[in-house]
Amino acid sequence: MKTHTLALTGLMLLTQGCAEIRASSHTRLSEKQSQVALRGTPEDAARRLSELFSRRGYSVTERKSLKGGSSLYVFKGRRSEVTTVMGDRNFVHGTTNTVGSVFYAQLIPQEDVVWVNLFGKPTYDGYEVCSDEDPSWIPPCEETVTSAMWSGWDQVTGREEAEVIRGMLIDMELTPESTPGAQMVRLTEPASTEPPKPTCVASELPAWKTASALEKKKLLAACRVPAPVNAAQAADSQ
């Protein structure tokens, strides 16, 4: 019922010439690709994050204490001004909107390590948009609706926020290990623990029925070779 209601809402908005902006960094980077462990204290991690965000034009605007001893830092900044001109030969009007980004950094201290979760979303005239990937540790949002003919749609896809987070993680990798706030561990997608699959089942091959004992031995050996993952299989697994 909920999915049906959302679909109807989206249809109504499009019918009226409007649509909701929904995007986040998690549309381009997974949750694990947006996590990192930093050396030192939460203050060391906060200083390092503030430095890296500041270089990219984003300032800390808020700090909150969360349950369990963790904390949340909010960084905001503007990216561009978008002007949209609409009308016909009789009447033309234009609007200008500010596009920016908001980033959330959840800091979770554990002994000499601070685990950091990063999450970013576009902002429209200073208001952050909602997304389907909003984690539970960020404040609730309100839907942001704009014209379906708005000129800034390509700037609110989550791509810019993902690029900022990716660039910051690279900077952290280059920080000397002895420096407070230096990266210790970066989480990656877990490797598969399943054994490699054989290329074939020898007894099911057409040649098996008429093969000699030596030929059957060769067929068994050939089928034991793990099957390579081709591009189509890789695409299906994602």
C-alpha atoms as a PDB file:
ATOM      1  CA  MET A   1       0.000   0.000   0.000  1.00  0.00           C
ATOM      2  CA  LYS A   2       2.875   2.365   0.853  1.00  0.00           C
ATOM      3  CA  THR A   3       4.604   1.756  -2.491  1.00  0.00           C
ATOM      4  CA  HIS A   4       1.330   2.355  -4.334  1.00  0.00           C
ATOM      5  CA  THR A   5       0.774   5.633  -2.465  1.00  0.00           C
ATOM      6  CA  LEU A   6       4.289   6.875  -3.247  1.00  0.00           C
ATOM      7  CA  ALA A   7       3.837   5.991  -6.906  1.00  0.00           C
ATOM      8  CA  LEU A   8       0.552   7.936  -7.045  1.00  0.00           C
ATOM      9  CA  THR A   9       2.166  10.911  -5.319  1.00  0.00           C
ATOM     10  CA  GLY A  10       5.012  10.954  -7.834  1.00  0.00           C
ATOM     11  CA  LEU A  11       2.534  10.687 -10.717  1.00  0.00           C
ATOM     12  CA  MET A  12       0.482  13.604  -9.378  1.00  0.00           C
ATOM     13  CA  LEU A  13       3.580  15.767  -9.008  1.00  0.00           C
ATOM     14  CA  LEU A  14       4.707  15.055 -12.550  1.00  0.00           C
ATOM     15  CA  THR A  15       1.192  15.711 -13.858  1.00  0.00           C
ATOM     16  CA  GLN A  16       1.288  19.108 -12.185  1.00  0.00           C
ATOM     17  CA  GLY A  17       4.713  19.848 -13.711  1.00  0.00           C
ATOM     18  CA  CYS A  18       6.590  19.286 -10.448  1.00  0.00           C
ATOM     19  CA  ALA A  19       8.739  16.505  -9.010  1.00  0.00           C
ATOM     20  CA  GLU A  20      10.468  15.719  -5.726  1.00  0.00           C
ATOM     21  CA  ILE A  21      14.251  15.875  -5.471  1.00  0.00           C
ATOM     22  CA  ARG A  22      15.590  12.672  -3.874  1.00  0.00           C
ATOM     23  CA  ALA A  23      19.316  11.908  -3.841  1.00  0.00           C
ATOM     24  CA  SER A  24      22.296  11.093  -1.623  1.00  0.00           C
ATOM     25  CA  SER A  25      25.920  10.007  -1.739  1.00  0.00           C
ATOM     26  CA  HIS A  26      24.792   6.418  -1.108  1.00  0.00           C
ATOM     27  CA  THR A  27      23.336   6.271  -4.608  1.00  0.00           C
ATOM     28  CA  ARG A  28      26.989   6.296  -5.802  1.00  0.00           C
ATOM     29  CA  LEU A  29      28.917   4.977  -2.770  1.00  0.00           C
ATOM     30  CA  SER A  30      27.733   2.126  -0.570  1.00  0.00           C
ATOM     31  CA  GLU A  31      27.603   2.457   3.212  1.00  0.00           C
ATOM     32  CA  LYS A  32      30.822   0.454   3.614  1.00  0.00           C
ATOM     33  CA  GLN A  33      32.563   2.549   0.971  1.00  0.00           C
ATOM     34  CA  SER A  34      31.750   5.627   3.074  1.00  0.00           C
ATOM     35  CA  GLN A  35      33.269   4.375   6.346  1.00  0.00           C
ATOM     36  CA  VAL A  36      36.758   4.773   7.755  1.00  0.00           C
ATOM     37  CA  ALA A  37      38.615   4.309  11.046  1.00  0.00           C
ATOM     38  CA  LEU A  38      40.880   7.159  12.224  1.00  0.00           C
ATOM     39  CA  ARG A  39      43.637   7.217  14.818  1.00  0.00           C
ATOM     40  CA  GLY A  40      43.301   9.191  18.012  1.00  0.00           C
ATOM     41  CA  THR A  41      40.360  10.750  19.827  1.00  0.00           C
ATOM     42  CA  PRO A  42      37.009  11.997  18.517  1.00  0.00           C
ATOM     43  CA  GLU A  43      38.471  15.523  18.721  1.00  0.00           C
ATOM     44  CA  ASP A  44      41.363  14.440  16.460  1.00  0.00           C
ATOM     45  CA  ALA A  45      38.912  12.954  13.972  1.00  0.00           C
ATOM     46  CA  ALA A  46      36.677  16.042  14.084  1.00  0.00           C
ATOM     47  CA  ARG A  47      39.641  18.342  13.407  1.00  0.00           C
ATOM     48  CA  ARG A  48      40.746  16.204  10.469  1.00  0.00           C
ATOM     49  CA  LEU A  49      37.255  16.122   8.994  1.00  0.00           C
ATOM     50  CA  SER A  50      36.826  19.887   9.460  1.00  0.00           C
ATOM     51  CA  GLU A  51      40.131  20.484   7.688  1.00  0.00           C
ATOM     52  CA  LEU A  52      39.231  18.280   4.720  1.00  0.00           C
ATOM     53  CA  PHE A  53      35.698  19.634   4.380  1.00  0.00           C
ATOM     54  CA  SER A  54      36.939  23.223   4.694  1.00  0.00           C
ATOM     55  CA  ARG A  55      39.325  22.691   1.761  1.00  0.00           C
ATOM     56  CA  ARG A  56      36.300  21.775  -0.332  1.00  0.00           C
ATOM     57  CA  GLY A  57      34.201  24.752   0.752  1.00  0.00           C
ATOM     58  CA  TYR A  58      32.094  23.149   3.484  1.00  0.00           C
ATOM     59  CA  SER A  59      31.965  24.501   7.035  1.00  0.00           C
ATOM     60  CA  VAL A  60      30.868  22.772  10.222  1.00  0.00           C
ATOM     61  CA  THR A  61      27.448  24.083  11.225  1.00  0.00           C
ATOM     62  CA  GLU A  62      26.362  21.754  13.997  1.00  0.00           C
ATOM     63  CA  ARG A  63      27.548  19.188  16.510  1.00  0.00           C
ATOM     64  CA  LYS A  64      25.302  16.761  18.393  1.00  0.00           C
ATOM     65  CA  SER A  65      25.882  14.075  20.984  1.00  0.00           C
ATOM     66  CA  LEU A  66      24.239  10.773  20.113  1.00  0.00           C
ATOM     67  CA  LYS A  67      23.393   7.708  22.160  1.00  0.00           C
ATOM     68  CA  GLY A  68      26.188   5.336  23.098  1.00  0.00           C
ATOM     69  CA  GLY A  69      28.892   7.999  23.253  1.00  0.00           C
ATOM     70  CA  SER A  70      28.952   8.766  19.527  1.00  0.00           C
ATOM     71  CA  SER A  71      28.642  12.243  18.040  1.00  0.00           C
ATOM     72  CA  LEU A  72      27.343  13.809  14.844  1.00  0.00           C
ATOM     73  CA  TYR A  73      28.931  16.672  12.902  1.00  0.00           C
ATOM     74  CA  VAL A  74      27.137  18.548  10.118  1.00  0.00           C
ATOM     75  CA  PHE A  75      28.946  20.354   7.287  1.00  0.00           C
ATOM     76  CA  LYS A  76      27.251  22.604   4.734  1.00  0.00           C
ATOM     77  CA  GLY A  77      28.232  24.702   1.738  1.00  0.00           C
ATOM     78  CA  ARG A  78      27.008  26.190  -1.545  1.00  0.00           C
ATOM     79  CA  ARG A  79      27.993  24.853  -4.944  1.00  0.00           C
ATOM     80  CA  SER A  80      26.281  26.940  -7.640  1.00  0.00           C
ATOM     81  CA  GLU A  81      23.432  29.226  -8.649  1.00  0.00           C
ATOM     82  CA  VAL A  82      20.962  27.706 -11.117  1.00  0.00           C
ATOM     83  CA  THR A  83      18.766  29.962 -13.261  1.00  0.00           C
ATOM     84  CA  THR A  84      15.743  28.490 -15.026  1.00  0.00           C
ATOM     85  CA  VAL A  85      13.946  30.438 -17.745  1.00  0.00           C
ATOM     86  CA  MET A  86      10.450  29.346 -18.827  1.00  0.00           C
ATOM     87  CA  GLY A  87       7.588  30.781 -20.836  1.00  0.00           C
ATOM     88  CA  ASP A  88       6.524  31.485 -24.400  1.00  0.00           C
ATOM     89  CA  ARG A  89       6.605  34.392 -26.854  1.00  0.00           C
ATOM     90  CA  ASN A  90       4.049  36.277 -24.780  1.00  0.00           C
ATOM     91  CA  PHE A  91       5.439  35.759 -21.297  1.00  0.00           C
ATOM     92  CA  VAL A  92       8.887  34.738 -20.054  1.00  0.00           C
ATOM     93  CA  HIS A  93      10.005  34.478 -16.457  1.00  0.00           C
ATOM     94  CA  GLY A  94      13.070  33.129 -14.697  1.00  0.00           C
ATOM     95  CA  THR A  95      13.970  31.836 -11.249  1.00  0.00           C
ATOM     96  CA  THR A  96      17.336  31.405  -9.564  1.00  0.00           C
ATOM     97  CA  ASN A  97      17.996  28.723  -6.969  1.00  0.00           C
ATOM     98  CA  THR A  98      21.044  27.899  -4.897  1.00  0.00           C
ATOM     99  CA  VAL A  99      22.374  24.346  -5.055  1.00  0.00           C
ATOM    100  CA  GLY A 100      24.658  23.086  -2.307  1.00  0.00           C
ATOM    101  CA  SER A 101      25.517  20.060  -0.205  1.00  0.00           C
ATOM    102  CA  VAL A 102      25.141  18.891   3.367  1.00  0.00           C
ATOM    103  CA  PHE A 103      27.356  16.209   4.875  1.00  0.00           C
ATOM    104  CA  TYR A 104      26.906  14.215   8.059  1.00  0.00           C
ATOM    105  CA  ALA A 105      29.787  12.581   9.903  1.00  0.00           C
ATOM    106  CA  GLN A 106      28.965  10.093  12.658  1.00  0.00           C
ATOM    107  CA  LEU A 107      31.931   9.569  15.008  1.00  0.00           C
ATOM    108  CA  ILE A 108      31.985   6.389  17.104  1.00  0.00           C
ATOM    109  CA  PRO A 109      34.947   6.118  19.522  1.00  0.00           C
ATOM    110  CA  GLN A 110      36.404   2.664  20.232  1.00  0.00           C
ATOM    111  CA  GLU A 111      39.628   2.582  22.321  1.00  0.00           C
ATOM    112  CA  ASP A 112      42.328   4.311  20.208  1.00  0.00           C
ATOM    113  CA  VAL A 113      40.191   4.337  17.065  1.00  0.00           C
ATOM    114  CA  VAL A 114      37.281   6.497  15.911  1.00  0.00           C
ATOM    115  CA  TRP A 115      34.956   4.921  13.382  1.00  0.00           C
ATOM    116  CA  VAL A 116      33.525   7.500  10.985  1.00  0.00           C
ATOM    117  CA  ASN A 117      30.389   7.127   8.858  1.00  0.00           C
ATOM    118  CA  LEU A 118      30.032   9.741   6.111  1.00  0.00           C
ATOM    119  CA  PHE A 119      26.797  10.621   4.322  1.00  0.00           C
ATOM    120  CA  GLY A 120      25.979  13.515   1.999  1.00  0.00           C
ATOM    121  CA  LYS A 121      22.936  14.985   0.251  1.00  0.00           C
ATOM    122  CA  PRO A 122      22.239  17.930  -2.069  1.00  0.00           C
ATOM    123  CA  THR A 123      20.583  21.087  -0.764  1.00  0.00           C
ATOM    124  CA  TYR A 124      18.068  23.270  -2.610  1.00  0.00           C
ATOM    125  CA  ASP A 125      17.969  26.913  -1.502  1.00  0.00           C
ATOM    126  CA  GLY A 126      19.556  25.813   1.771  1.00  0.00           C
ATOM    127  CA  TYR A 127      17.107  22.986   2.421  1.00  0.00           C
ATOM    128  CA  GLU A 128      18.444  19.458   2.371  1.00  0.00           C
ATOM    129  CA  VAL A 129      16.562  17.015   0.207  1.00  0.00           C
ATOM    130  CA  CYS A 130      15.317  13.590   1.277  1.00  0.00           C
ATOM    131  CA  SER A 131      16.587  10.295  -0.068  1.00  0.00           C
ATOM    132  CA  ASP A 132      15.745   6.612  -0.017  1.00  0.00           C
ATOM    133  CA  GLU A 133      19.051   5.917   1.768  1.00  0.00           C
ATOM    134  CA  ASP A 134      18.771   8.255   4.785  1.00  0.00           C
ATOM    135  CA  PRO A 135      20.371   6.479   7.788  1.00  0.00           C
ATOM    136  CA  SER A 136      18.661   6.503  11.167  1.00  0.00           C
ATOM    137  CA  TRP A 137      21.376   8.664  12.752  1.00  0.00           C
ATOM    138  CA  ILE A 138      20.653  11.833  10.731  1.00  0.00           C
ATOM    139  CA  PRO A 139      17.777  14.274  11.440  1.00  0.00           C
ATOM    140  CA  PRO A 140      14.482  13.782   9.580  1.00  0.00           C
ATOM    141  CA  CYS A 141      13.951  15.738   6.366  1.00  0.00           C
ATOM    142  CA  GLU A 142      11.023  17.296   4.533  1.00  0.00           C
ATOM    143  CA  GLU A 143      10.349  16.612   0.865  1.00  0.00           C
ATOM    144  CA  THR A 144      11.704  19.154  -1.594  1.00  0.00           C
ATOM    145  CA  VAL A 145       9.595  19.735  -4.710  1.00  0.00           C
ATOM    146  CA  THR A 146      10.546  21.811  -7.735  1.00  0.00           C
ATOM    147  CA  SER A 147       9.541  22.211 -11.378  1.00  0.00           C
ATOM    148  CA  ALA A 148      10.055  19.212 -13.639  1.00  0.00           C
ATOM    149  CA  MET A 149      11.598  21.723 -16.104  1.00  0.00           C
ATOM    150  CA  TRP A 150      14.105  22.999 -13.521  1.00  0.00           C
ATOM    151  CA  SER A 151      17.609  23.427 -14.966  1.00  0.00           C
ATOM    152  CA  GLY A 152      19.479  22.002 -11.984  1.00  0.00           C
ATOM    153  CA  TRP A 153      18.383  18.363 -12.000  1.00  0.00           C
ATOM    154  CA  ASP A 154      21.808  17.124 -13.109  1.00  0.00           C
ATOM    155  CA  GLN A 155      23.373  18.787 -10.044  1.00  0.00           C
ATOM    156  CA  VAL A 156      21.223  17.019  -7.444  1.00  0.00           C
ATOM    157  CA  THR A 157      21.902  13.354  -8.220  1.00  0.00           C
ATOM    158  CA  GLY A 158      24.263  12.618  -5.316  1.00  0.00           C
ATOM    159  CA  ARG A 159      27.240  12.462  -7.659  1.00  0.00           C
ATOM    160  CA  GLU A 160      28.950  15.574  -6.270  1.00  0.00           C
ATOM    161  CA  GLU A 161      28.534  14.435  -2.654  1.00  0.00           C
ATOM    162  CA  ALA A 162      29.940  10.995  -3.458  1.00  0.00           C
ATOM    163  CA  GLU A 163      32.938  12.586  -5.194  1.00  0.00           C
ATOM    164  CA  VAL A 164      33.645  14.769  -2.144  1.00  0.00           C
ATOM    165  CA  ILE A 165      33.568  11.756   0.195  1.00  0.00           C
ATOM    166  CA  ARG A 166      35.694   9.675  -2.165  1.00  0.00           C
ATOM    167  CA  GLY A 167      38.268  12.462  -2.414  1.00  0.00           C
ATOM    168  CA  MET A 168      38.400  12.884   1.363  1.00  0.00           C
ATOM    169  CA  LEU A 169      39.020   9.168   1.863  1.00  0.00           C
ATOM    170  CA  ILE A 170      41.903   9.348  -0.604  1.00  0.00           C
ATOM    171  CA  ASP A 171      43.358  12.309   1.324  1.00  0.00           C
ATOM    172  CA  MET A 172      43.094  10.298   4.537  1.00  0.00           C
ATOM    173  CA  GLU A 173      45.001   7.438   2.942  1.00  0.00           C
ATOM    174  CA  LEU A 174      47.870   9.820   2.161  1.00  0.00           C
ATOM    175  CA  THR A 175      48.116  11.143   5.735  1.00  0.00           C
ATOM    176  CA  PRO A 176      51.211   9.868   7.653  1.00  0.00           C
ATOM    177  CA  GLU A 177      50.133   7.023   9.938  1.00  0.00           C
ATOM    178  CA  SER A 178      51.594   8.636  13.066  1.00  0.00           C
ATOM    179  CA  THR A 179      49.451  11.761  12.646  1.00  0.00           C
ATOM    180  CA  PRO A 180      46.334  12.061  14.852  1.00  0.00           C
ATOM    181  CA  GLY A 181      43.325  11.698  12.604  1.00  0.00           C
ATOM    182  CA  ALA A 182      45.212   9.532  10.118  1.00  0.00           C
ATOM    183  CA  GLN A 183      43.372   6.656   8.510  1.00  0.00           C
ATOM    184  CA  MET A 184      43.887   3.247  10.069  1.00  0.00           C
ATOM    185  CA  VAL A 185      41.312   1.063   8.374  1.00  0.00           C
ATOM    186  CA  ARG A 186      38.999   1.576   5.459  1.00  0.00           C
ATOM    187  CA  LEU A 187      36.071  -0.808   5.262  1.00  0.00           C
ATOM    188  CA  THR A 188      35.553  -2.606   1.975  1.00  0.00           C
ATOM    189  CA  GLU A 189      32.933  -4.934   0.661  1.00  0.00           C
ATOM    190  CA  PRO A 190      33.580  -8.387   2.183  1.00  0.00           C
ATOM    191  CA  ALA A 191      35.171 -10.921  -0.113  1.00  0.00           C
ATOM    192  CA  SER A 192      33.119 -13.960  -1.011  1.00  0.00           C
ATOM    193  CA  THR A 193      33.811 -17.011   1.146  1.00  0.00           C
ATOM    194  CA  GLU A 194      32.107 -19.394  -1.256  1.00  0.00           C
ATOM    195  CA  PRO A 195      34.399 -21.943  -2.984  1.00  0.00           C
ATOM    196  CA  PRO A 196      34.960 -21.348  -6.710  1.00  0.00           C
ATOM    197  CA  LYS A 197      32.443 -23.062  -8.943  1.00  0.00           C
ATOM    198  CA  PRO A 198      33.693 -25.607 -11.514  1.00  0.00           C
ATOM    199  CA  THR A 199      33.415 -24.805 -15.185  1.00  0.00           C
ATOM    200  CA  CYS A 200      31.268 -27.871 -15.860  1.00  0.00           C
ATOM    201  CA  VAL A 201      30.021 -31.251 -14.635  1.00  0.00           C
ATOM    202  CA  ALA A 202      32.051 -33.919 -16.437  1.00  0.00           C
ATOM    203  CA  SER A 203      29.370 -36.599 -16.308  1.00  0.00           C
ATOM    204  CA  GLU A 204      26.908 -34.305 -18.048  1.00  0.00           C
ATOM    205  CA  LEU A 205      29.165 -33.644 -21.044  1.00  0.00           C
ATOM    206  CA  PRO A 206      28.169 -35.342 -24.358  1.00  0.00           C
ATOM    207  CA  ALA A 207      31.629 -36.906 -24.667  1.00  0.00           C
ATOM    208  CA  TRP A 208      31.406 -38.587 -21.266  1.00  0.00           C
ATOM    209  CA  LYS A 209      29.313 -41.588 -22.404  1.00  0.00           C
ATOM    210  CA  THR A 210      31.774 -42.725 -25.076  1.00  0.00           C
ATOM    211  CA  ALA A 211      35.001 -41.567 -23.376  1.00  0.00           C
ATOM    212  CA  SER A 212      37.692 -44.008 -22.295  1.00  0.00           C
ATOM    213  CA  ALA A 213      38.955 -44.086 -18.712  1.00  0.00           C
ATOM    214  CA  LEU A 214      41.875 -41.801 -19.647  1.00  0.00           C
ATOM    215  CA  GLU A 215      39.577 -39.392 -21.503  1.00  0.00           C
ATOM    216  CA  LYS A 216      37.166 -39.296 -18.533  1.00  0.00           C
ATOM    217  CA  LYS A 217      40.094 -38.427 -16.266  1.00  0.00           C
ATOM    218  CA  LYS A 218      40.961 -35.494 -18.547  1.00  0.00           C
ATOM    219  CA  LEU A 219      37.338 -34.329 -18.601  1.00  0.00           C
ATOM    220  CA  LEU A 220      37.173 -34.418 -14.796  1.00  0.00           C
ATOM    221  CA  ALA A 221      40.385 -32.392 -14.541  1.00  0.00           C
ATOM    222  CA  ALA A 222      39.147 -29.805 -17.046  1.00  0.00           C
ATOM    223  CA  CYS A 223      35.867 -29.309 -15.173  1.00  0.00           C
ATOM    224  CA  ARG A 224      37.664 -28.705 -11.876  1.00  0.00           C
ATOM    225  CA  VAL A 225      39.106 -25.427 -13.184  1.00  0.00           C
ATOM    226  CA  PRO A 226      37.144 -22.500 -11.590  1.00  0.00           C
ATOM    227  CA  ALA A 227      34.853 -20.727 -14.015  1.00  0.00           C
ATOM    228  CA  PRO A 228      36.038 -17.190 -14.871  1.00  0.00           C
ATOM    229  CA  VAL A 229      33.682 -14.338 -14.047  1.00  0.00           C
ATOM    230  CA  ASN A 230      32.766 -12.600 -17.260  1.00  0.00           C
ATOM    231  CA  ALA A 231      31.403  -9.084 -17.638  1.00  0.00           C
ATOM    232  CA  ALA A 232      27.801 -10.237 -17.864  1.00  0.00           C
ATOM    233  CA  GLN A 233      28.087 -12.313 -14.660  1.00  0.00           C
ATOM    234  CA  ALA A 234      29.728  -9.389 -12.866  1.00  0.00           C
ATOM    235  CA  ALA A 235      26.909  -7.065 -13.923  1.00  0.00           C
ATOM    236  CA  ASP A 236      24.280  -9.543 -12.736  1.00  0.00           C
ATOM    237  CA  SER A 237      25.923  -9.864  -9.325  1.00  0.00           C
ATOM    238  CA  GLN A 238      25.833  -6.098  -8.676  1.00  0.00           C
END
